[in-house]
Amino acid sequence: MLSKFSTAALAATLSLAATAAMAGAGDYMFEPVKAEMKKGDDVTLAVRLTNKQTGKPVPDAVVFKTRVDMAPDGMAEMESAVAPLPSTEPGVYAFKTDLPMAGRYQMTLSVKVQGEPETVTGKVVVTATK
């Protein structure tokens, strides 16, 4: 009886370890809440972070690096300052930035997700219109 219990416990432990080993930074995805907005100063750019496996939003991630530039239009040197704003819903991270001209802007984010040892990094492209 003891050996059956030991075997079951070992199998459960290995199963949990395999599941944990399969999780990683690639299990998350960033997407713009609004992919198109008017150009201007103090524009709110909001990004949703979701878990690809569950499809659920990921709240309480710690955003520690952001950048907004025009790299998609070949102008990576056109960088805008980024300031965090309070979020209005779980898994949505909002920022204030300037989108001074019409075109495509790329936001690069690096975040720490609770329980995830790896840094989650992603890029989101939005379009600023006149």
Protein backbone atom coordinates (compact mmCIF):
# COMPACT_ATOMS: atom_id res chain seq x y z
CA MET A 1 0.00 0.00 0.00
CA LEU A 2 2.82 2.39 0.85
CA SER A 3 4.50 1.82 -2.51
CA LYS A 4 1.24 2.63 -4.36
CA PHE A 5 0.96 5.87 -2.39
CA SER A 6 4.62 6.73 -3.07
CA THR A 7 4.20 6.03 -6.78
CA ALA A 8 1.07 8.23 -6.94
CA ALA A 9 2.81 11.04 -5.04
CA LEU A 10 5.84 10.84 -7.33
CA ALA A 11 3.62 10.94 -10.42
CA ALA A 12 1.72 13.98 -9.11
CA THR A 13 4.98 15.78 -8.30
CA LEU A 14 6.41 15.09 -11.76
CA SER A 15 3.17 16.24 -13.39
CA LEU A 16 3.24 19.53 -11.47
CA ALA A 17 6.91 20.06 -12.28
CA ALA A 18 6.28 19.44 -15.97
CA THR A 19 3.41 21.94 -15.98
CA ALA A 20 5.52 24.59 -14.23
CA ALA A 21 8.42 23.98 -16.61
CA MET A 22 6.16 24.52 -19.61
CA ALA A 23 5.04 27.98 -18.43
CA GLY A 24 7.18 30.86 -19.63
CA ALA A 25 7.37 34.43 -20.83
CA GLY A 26 6.06 33.31 -24.24
CA ASP A 27 2.72 32.44 -22.62
CA TYR A 28 1.73 36.10 -22.53
CA MET A 29 0.66 38.56 -25.19
CA PHE A 30 0.22 42.32 -25.36
CA GLU A 31 -2.42 43.94 -27.55
CA PRO A 32 -3.57 47.53 -27.91
CA VAL A 33 -6.93 48.37 -26.37
CA LYS A 34 -7.41 50.84 -29.22
CA ALA A 35 -5.27 50.29 -32.34
CA GLU A 36 -6.02 53.70 -33.87
CA MET A 37 -6.15 57.12 -32.24
CA LYS A 38 -5.75 60.79 -33.10
CA LYS A 39 -2.25 62.22 -33.06
CA GLY A 40 -1.43 64.76 -30.38
CA ASP A 41 0.11 65.46 -27.00
CA ASP A 42 -0.90 63.62 -23.82
CA VAL A 43 -2.54 60.74 -25.69
CA THR A 44 -3.63 57.77 -23.60
CA LEU A 45 -2.21 54.54 -24.97
CA ALA A 46 -3.65 51.45 -23.24
CA VAL A 47 -2.30 47.92 -23.59
CA ARG A 48 -3.94 44.66 -22.52
CA LEU A 49 -1.78 41.81 -21.19
CA THR A 50 -3.34 38.35 -21.51
CA ASN A 51 -2.31 34.81 -20.79
CA LYS A 52 -2.34 32.93 -24.12
CA GLN A 53 -3.19 29.60 -22.48
CA THR A 54 -6.22 30.83 -20.53
CA GLY A 55 -7.21 33.88 -22.57
CA LYS A 56 -7.62 35.79 -19.30
CA PRO A 57 -6.23 39.24 -18.51
CA VAL A 58 -3.11 39.37 -16.34
CA PRO A 59 -3.57 41.90 -13.52
CA ASP A 60 -0.88 43.28 -11.20
CA ALA A 61 2.09 42.91 -13.54
CA VAL A 62 4.92 45.27 -12.68
CA VAL A 63 5.81 47.42 -15.69
CA PHE A 64 9.46 48.43 -15.40
CA LYS A 65 10.43 49.44 -18.93
CA THR A 66 8.51 51.23 -21.68
CA ARG A 67 9.37 52.89 -24.96
CA VAL A 68 7.27 54.52 -27.67
CA ASP A 69 8.82 55.26 -31.06
CA MET A 70 8.07 55.26 -34.78
CA ALA A 71 10.15 52.17 -35.62
CA PRO A 72 7.36 50.64 -37.79
CA ASP A 73 7.72 53.60 -40.17
CA GLY A 74 11.53 53.46 -40.15
CA MET A 75 11.98 56.29 -37.65
CA ALA A 76 13.04 54.59 -34.40
CA GLU A 77 14.82 57.80 -33.38
CA MET A 78 11.38 59.50 -33.11
CA GLU A 79 10.88 58.55 -29.48
CA SER A 80 8.24 59.92 -27.10
CA ALA A 81 8.27 60.07 -23.30
CA VAL A 82 5.96 57.61 -21.53
CA ALA A 83 4.26 58.07 -18.14
CA PRO A 84 2.09 55.43 -16.41
CA LEU A 85 -1.57 56.15 -15.74
CA PRO A 86 -3.96 54.36 -13.38
CA SER A 87 -5.69 51.37 -14.94
CA THR A 88 -9.46 51.15 -15.12
CA GLU A 89 -9.68 47.37 -15.55
CA PRO A 90 -7.62 44.30 -14.62
CA GLY A 91 -4.92 43.41 -17.13
CA VAL A 92 -5.02 46.82 -18.87
CA TYR A 93 -1.99 49.08 -18.47
CA ALA A 94 -2.43 52.70 -19.53
CA PHE A 95 0.22 55.29 -20.36
CA LYS A 96 0.36 58.95 -21.31
CA THR A 97 2.55 59.73 -24.31
CA ASP A 98 2.87 62.10 -27.25
CA LEU A 99 2.09 60.99 -30.79
CA PRO A 100 3.18 64.19 -32.56
CA MET A 101 2.60 63.12 -36.16
CA ALA A 102 0.39 60.74 -38.10
CA GLY A 103 1.90 57.29 -38.59
CA ARG A 104 2.58 54.01 -36.85
CA TYR A 105 4.03 53.93 -33.35
CA GLN A 106 5.47 50.95 -31.53
CA MET A 107 5.26 50.56 -27.77
CA THR A 108 7.76 48.15 -26.25
CA LEU A 109 7.05 46.94 -22.72
CA SER A 110 8.94 44.80 -20.23
CA VAL A 111 6.98 43.52 -17.24
CA LYS A 112 7.26 41.11 -14.37
CA VAL A 113 4.25 38.82 -13.95
CA GLN A 114 3.64 37.40 -10.47
CA GLY A 115 4.89 33.82 -10.27
CA GLU A 116 6.75 34.05 -13.59
CA PRO A 117 10.55 33.95 -13.23
CA GLU A 118 11.21 35.36 -16.72
CA THR A 119 10.69 38.94 -17.85
CA VAL A 120 7.75 39.27 -20.23
CA THR A 121 8.55 41.60 -23.13
CA GLY A 122 6.26 42.56 -25.95
CA LYS A 123 5.62 45.09 -28.69
CA VAL A 124 2.36 46.72 -29.71
CA VAL A 125 1.82 48.84 -32.82
CA VAL A 126 -0.79 51.60 -32.94
CA THR A 127 -1.65 54.09 -35.66
CA ALA A 128 -1.97 57.82 -35.06
CA THR A 129 -4.25 59.63 -37.49
CA LYS A 130 -4.70 63.32 -38.30
